[in-house]
Protein backbone atom coordinates (compact mmCIF):
# COMPACT_ATOMS: atom_id res chain seq x y z
CA UNK A 1 154.04 76.61 125.21
CA UNK A 2 155.92 79.95 124.93
CA UNK A 3 159.69 79.64 124.65
CA UNK A 4 161.01 81.74 127.53
CA UNK A 5 164.40 81.97 125.97
CA UNK A 6 163.00 84.67 123.70
CA UNK A 7 161.58 86.76 126.53
CA UNK A 8 163.97 89.74 127.27
CA UNK A 9 165.31 90.05 130.75
CA UNK A 10 163.04 92.01 133.19
CA UNK A 11 165.57 94.83 133.39
CA UNK A 12 165.34 95.26 129.61
CA UNK A 13 161.58 95.23 129.66
CA UNK A 14 161.48 97.85 132.39
CA UNK A 15 163.99 100.02 130.48
CA UNK A 16 161.73 99.66 127.30
CA UNK A 17 158.69 100.70 129.46
CA UNK A 18 160.48 103.78 130.83
CA UNK A 19 161.42 104.73 127.24
CA UNK A 20 157.77 104.48 126.20
CA UNK A 21 156.69 106.67 129.10
CA UNK A 22 159.47 109.21 128.13
CA UNK A 23 158.22 109.28 124.55
CA UNK A 24 154.79 110.10 125.98
CA UNK A 25 156.10 113.20 127.82
CA UNK A 26 157.21 111.51 131.03
CA UNK A 27 153.73 110.91 132.40
CA UNK A 28 151.40 108.19 130.95
CA UNK A 29 148.20 106.33 131.49
CA UNK A 30 148.81 102.65 132.27
CA UNK A 31 146.11 101.56 129.87
CA UNK A 32 148.05 103.15 127.04
CA UNK A 33 151.21 101.36 127.97
CA UNK A 34 149.40 98.03 128.19
CA UNK A 35 147.77 98.64 124.81
CA UNK A 36 151.11 99.17 123.29
CA UNK A 37 152.49 95.82 124.48
CA UNK A 38 153.82 96.36 128.00
CA UNK A 39 152.46 93.96 130.58
CA UNK A 40 150.83 94.74 133.96
CA UNK A 41 153.59 92.72 135.58
CA UNK A 42 156.43 94.92 134.14
CA UNK A 43 154.45 98.03 135.10
CA UNK A 44 154.26 96.70 138.71
CA UNK A 45 157.83 95.78 138.80
CA UNK A 46 158.86 99.18 137.43
CA UNK A 47 156.92 100.88 140.18
CA UNK A 48 158.48 98.62 142.87
CA UNK A 49 161.94 99.23 141.62
CA UNK A 50 161.46 103.04 141.40
CA UNK A 51 161.84 103.24 137.68
CA UNK A 52 158.36 104.64 137.57
CA UNK A 53 156.28 106.52 140.18
CA UNK A 54 152.59 106.14 140.70
CA UNK A 55 150.72 109.42 140.08
CA UNK A 56 147.20 108.30 140.73
CA UNK A 57 145.16 105.29 139.93
CA UNK A 58 145.91 104.42 136.23
CA UNK A 59 148.64 106.91 135.79
CA UNK A 60 152.51 106.63 136.14
CA UNK A 61 155.44 108.96 135.66
CA UNK A 62 159.16 108.86 135.36
CA UNK A 63 161.06 110.14 138.40
CA UNK A 64 161.76 113.84 137.77
CA UNK A 65 158.88 114.15 135.22
CA UNK A 66 157.72 117.74 134.58
CA UNK A 67 155.80 118.81 137.76
CA UNK A 68 153.04 120.58 135.77
CA UNK A 69 152.28 117.38 133.85
CA UNK A 70 152.33 115.32 137.04
CA UNK A 71 149.93 117.75 138.76
CA UNK A 72 147.59 117.71 135.78
CA UNK A 73 147.51 113.92 135.72
CA UNK A 74 146.88 113.74 139.44
CA UNK A 75 143.91 116.16 139.25
CA UNK A 76 142.47 114.86 136.02
CA UNK A 77 142.85 118.22 134.16
CA UNK A 78 144.77 119.55 131.23
CA UNK A 79 147.27 122.39 131.17
CA UNK A 80 145.58 125.25 129.22
CA UNK A 81 145.06 128.94 128.71
CA UNK A 82 148.11 131.10 129.50
CA UNK A 83 149.96 128.25 131.24
CA UNK A 84 150.00 126.20 128.10
CA UNK A 85 150.64 129.35 125.97
CA UNK A 86 153.72 129.94 128.11
CA UNK A 87 154.85 126.31 127.68
CA UNK A 88 154.50 126.70 123.93
CA UNK A 89 156.75 129.81 123.95
CA UNK A 90 153.89 132.24 123.21
CA UNK A 91 153.98 135.80 124.50
CA UNK A 92 152.32 135.89 127.89
CA UNK A 93 152.13 139.15 129.82
CA UNK A 94 151.81 137.60 133.26
CA UNK A 95 150.83 134.29 134.92
CA UNK A 96 150.26 134.47 138.64
CA UNK A 97 148.94 130.90 139.04
CA UNK A 98 148.50 127.74 136.91
CA UNK A 99 145.59 127.71 134.45
CA UNK A 100 144.01 124.35 133.71
CA UNK A 101 140.90 123.14 131.89
CA UNK A 102 138.62 120.54 133.50
CA UNK A 103 135.76 118.26 132.65
CA UNK A 104 132.48 118.92 134.50
CA UNK A 105 132.77 115.37 135.92
CA UNK A 106 135.77 113.36 136.94
CA UNK A 107 138.17 116.29 137.70
CA UNK A 108 139.58 117.28 141.07
CA UNK A 109 140.26 121.00 140.59
CA UNK A 110 143.69 122.04 142.07
CA UNK A 111 143.01 124.61 144.78
CA UNK A 112 145.91 126.83 143.63
CA UNK A 113 144.95 126.76 140.02
CA UNK A 114 142.67 128.85 137.89
CA UNK A 115 140.19 126.25 136.54
CA UNK A 116 138.34 126.72 133.18
CA UNK A 117 135.28 124.61 132.85
CA UNK A 118 134.15 125.76 129.42
CA UNK A 119 133.28 123.32 126.66
CA UNK A 120 136.44 122.93 124.42
CA UNK A 121 136.20 124.06 120.84
CA UNK A 122 138.30 121.08 119.78
CA UNK A 123 137.43 117.77 121.58
CA UNK A 124 140.01 116.65 124.17
CA UNK A 125 141.20 113.04 124.26
CA UNK A 126 140.98 111.63 127.82
CA UNK A 127 144.76 110.85 127.74
CA UNK A 128 145.65 114.47 127.09
CA UNK A 129 147.47 116.40 129.74
CA UNK A 130 148.06 119.63 127.66
CA UNK A 131 145.39 121.37 125.63
CA UNK A 132 145.35 121.96 121.86
CA UNK A 133 146.41 125.34 120.60
CA UNK A 134 142.82 126.15 119.48
CA UNK A 135 141.47 125.48 122.96
CA UNK A 136 144.30 127.51 124.54
CA UNK A 137 143.51 130.52 122.39
CA UNK A 138 139.82 130.22 122.91
CA UNK A 139 140.27 130.29 126.76
CA UNK A 140 142.85 133.06 126.59
CA UNK A 141 140.37 135.26 124.79
CA UNK A 142 137.82 135.04 127.58
CA UNK A 143 140.31 134.95 130.46
CA UNK A 144 142.74 137.72 129.64
CA UNK A 145 142.31 141.43 128.92
CA UNK A 146 141.93 142.13 125.22
CA UNK A 147 145.48 143.43 124.61
CA UNK A 148 147.13 140.54 126.47
CA UNK A 149 144.94 137.96 124.62
CA UNK A 150 145.73 139.63 121.33
CA UNK A 151 149.49 139.33 122.06
CA UNK A 152 149.09 135.58 122.73
CA UNK A 153 146.99 135.02 119.59
CA UNK A 154 149.37 136.92 117.34
CA UNK A 155 152.35 135.05 118.74
CA UNK A 156 150.62 131.85 117.81
CA UNK A 157 149.76 133.03 114.26
CA UNK A 158 153.25 134.47 113.55
CA UNK A 159 155.09 131.06 113.50
CA UNK A 160 152.14 129.20 111.97
CA UNK A 161 151.07 127.17 115.12
CA UNK A 162 147.56 127.84 113.85
CA UNK A 163 146.10 129.66 110.88
CA UNK A 164 143.56 132.57 110.74
CA UNK A 165 141.37 130.49 108.38
CA UNK A 166 141.19 127.39 110.62
CA UNK A 167 140.31 129.57 113.63
CA UNK A 168 137.50 131.27 111.63
CA UNK A 169 135.86 127.92 111.13
CA UNK A 170 135.64 127.03 114.80
CA UNK A 171 132.59 127.68 117.16
CA UNK A 172 134.30 130.59 118.96
CA UNK A 173 132.86 132.86 121.61
CA UNK A 174 132.10 136.42 120.88
CA UNK A 175 135.31 137.48 122.81
CA UNK A 176 137.38 135.12 120.73
CA UNK A 177 135.87 136.39 117.51
CA UNK A 178 136.75 139.89 118.55
CA UNK A 179 140.44 138.93 119.12
CA UNK A 180 140.57 137.02 115.91
CA UNK A 181 139.27 140.00 113.94
CA UNK A 182 142.03 142.19 115.34
CA UNK A 183 144.84 139.57 115.11
CA UNK A 184 147.62 139.74 112.56
CA UNK A 185 150.49 137.49 111.96
CA UNK A 186 152.89 140.31 111.27
CA UNK A 187 153.62 141.54 114.79
CA UNK A 188 157.24 140.63 115.59
CA UNK A 189 156.75 140.49 119.36
CA UNK A 190 153.94 140.54 121.95
CA UNK A 191 154.71 144.13 122.71
CA UNK A 192 153.92 145.12 119.17
CA UNK A 193 150.38 143.67 119.55
CA UNK A 194 149.57 146.36 121.96
CA UNK A 195 150.35 149.28 119.69
CA UNK A 196 147.83 149.29 116.82
CA UNK A 197 144.70 148.91 119.08
CA UNK A 198 145.95 151.73 121.28
CA UNK A 199 146.66 154.10 118.40
CA UNK A 200 143.64 153.25 116.18
CA UNK A 201 141.82 156.20 117.54
CA UNK A 202 144.31 158.61 115.78
CA UNK A 203 142.97 157.38 112.38
CA UNK A 204 146.50 157.34 110.85
CA UNK A 205 148.02 154.74 108.53
CA UNK A 206 150.04 152.42 110.87
CA UNK A 207 151.98 149.68 109.09
CA UNK A 208 153.93 146.98 110.98
CA UNK A 209 157.26 145.43 109.97
CA UNK A 210 158.29 147.72 107.12
CA UNK A 211 161.62 147.49 105.49
CA UNK A 212 163.42 150.74 105.29
CA UNK A 213 167.18 151.29 104.76
CA UNK A 214 167.93 147.55 104.78
CA UNK A 215 166.20 146.80 108.07
CA UNK A 216 162.71 146.17 109.38
CA UNK A 217 161.09 148.80 111.51
CA UNK A 218 158.41 147.82 114.02
CA UNK A 219 155.88 150.51 112.85
CA UNK A 220 155.68 153.21 110.33
CA UNK A 221 153.11 155.82 111.31
CA UNK A 222 151.98 157.91 108.34
CA UNK A 223 154.85 158.55 105.86
CA UNK A 224 157.84 159.37 108.05
CA UNK A 225 157.31 158.54 111.77
CA UNK A 226 159.04 155.30 112.79
CA UNK A 227 158.07 153.64 116.18
CA UNK A 228 160.50 151.07 117.51
CA UNK A 229 160.04 148.82 120.57
CA UNK A 230 163.19 147.42 122.12
CA UNK A 231 163.00 143.99 123.76
CA UNK A 232 165.45 142.32 126.18
CA UNK A 233 167.79 141.40 123.28
CA UNK A 234 168.46 145.05 122.26
CA UNK A 235 171.84 145.25 123.96
CA UNK A 236 175.47 144.98 122.97
CA UNK A 237 175.91 144.49 119.14
CA UNK A 238 172.10 144.70 118.60
CA UNK A 239 172.00 148.05 120.34
CA UNK A 240 174.89 149.38 118.20
CA UNK A 241 173.13 148.22 115.13
CA UNK A 242 169.92 149.91 116.21
CA UNK A 243 171.67 153.22 116.76
CA UNK A 244 173.31 152.97 113.32
CA UNK A 245 170.02 152.27 111.70
CA UNK A 246 168.39 155.13 113.55
CA UNK A 247 171.09 157.43 112.03
CA UNK A 248 170.32 156.07 108.58
CA UNK A 249 166.56 156.71 108.99
CA UNK A 250 167.05 160.29 110.17
CA UNK A 251 169.31 160.97 107.16
CA UNK A 252 166.60 159.77 104.91
CA UNK A 253 164.09 162.14 106.53
CA UNK A 254 162.38 159.79 109.03
CA UNK A 255 161.74 160.61 112.66
CA UNK A 256 162.35 157.84 115.18
CA UNK A 257 160.70 157.18 118.44
CA UNK A 258 162.21 154.28 120.36
CA UNK A 259 160.79 152.77 123.54
CA UNK A 260 161.20 149.60 125.60
CA UNK A 261 159.10 147.02 127.47
CA UNK A 262 158.46 149.19 130.54
CA UNK A 263 157.31 152.19 128.51
CA UNK A 264 154.67 150.05 126.66
CA UNK A 265 153.42 148.08 129.60
CA UNK A 266 153.76 150.59 132.46
CA UNK A 267 154.11 154.08 131.00
CA UNK A 268 151.99 154.05 127.89
CA UNK A 269 150.54 157.47 128.60
CA UNK A 270 154.03 158.95 128.23
CA UNK A 271 154.57 157.13 124.91
CA UNK A 272 151.20 158.18 123.57
CA UNK A 273 151.96 161.78 124.53
CA UNK A 274 155.19 161.75 122.58
CA UNK A 275 153.44 160.21 119.51
CA UNK A 276 150.63 162.82 119.72
CA UNK A 277 153.12 165.72 119.87
CA UNK A 278 155.15 164.28 116.92
CA UNK A 279 151.94 164.00 114.84
CA UNK A 280 150.84 167.52 115.88
CA UNK A 281 154.17 168.74 114.55
CA UNK A 282 153.67 166.91 111.27
CA UNK A 283 156.58 164.63 111.81
CA UNK A 284 154.59 161.70 110.41
CA UNK A 285 154.18 163.53 107.01
CA UNK A 286 156.54 163.49 104.00
CA UNK A 287 158.38 166.74 103.60
């Protein structure tokens, strides 16, 4: 007969259970908790005491768990595409509603979400609530316009969340293959991912992230035309450093075109016009 003196108090077992759910992201399948040594009785007591909340049959969550994860568990879907890209800190141009991936059977598609039913390129475990980076990128490629998809892919390649080689070995769609062919790990921000495809028609050498005068420049067009894109952090001390570097570049014979987010996203025709005029004047050529 089991010695009950060695059984921890119920409060301790509930606290241990809550810690296990927290390690699983705040939302967990009951079967997983039981398989790791937590009893059905303790799960039931945790629900009765409010230490856990029931999400749906077979799923529980901590009070205050991330709403996106709770919604995914309730619907039987995984967070994917640009929604998971955003959660991973990747560069997402816009997201007007949640994007999720669902299995053809057993999922209750959320009415407010954009649901992807495509077969995943990497198998999904039934306990998953968020998609793998490979599946995220594959869906982004078919869901988003080319430039927006390219920005997401390059922001995943840049920190090494996934490699070019591993993506090449996957069974990707034609759209994803096209994005992969254009993707580079050298773009420093999502905005930079828009530039090369938009200027390729000019048939000029365009090199990203070149070191000149002790600092990197976003793009060097030809020999002497520097193209810089300012993000939201280009203020205060950063702005002063940018101005000083621009002066150094000009003293070395470079010509600088500096734009910001709004120019690239909303007023590209004006940016392109300036670049075209600079090239027409030969400002991209060495003197």
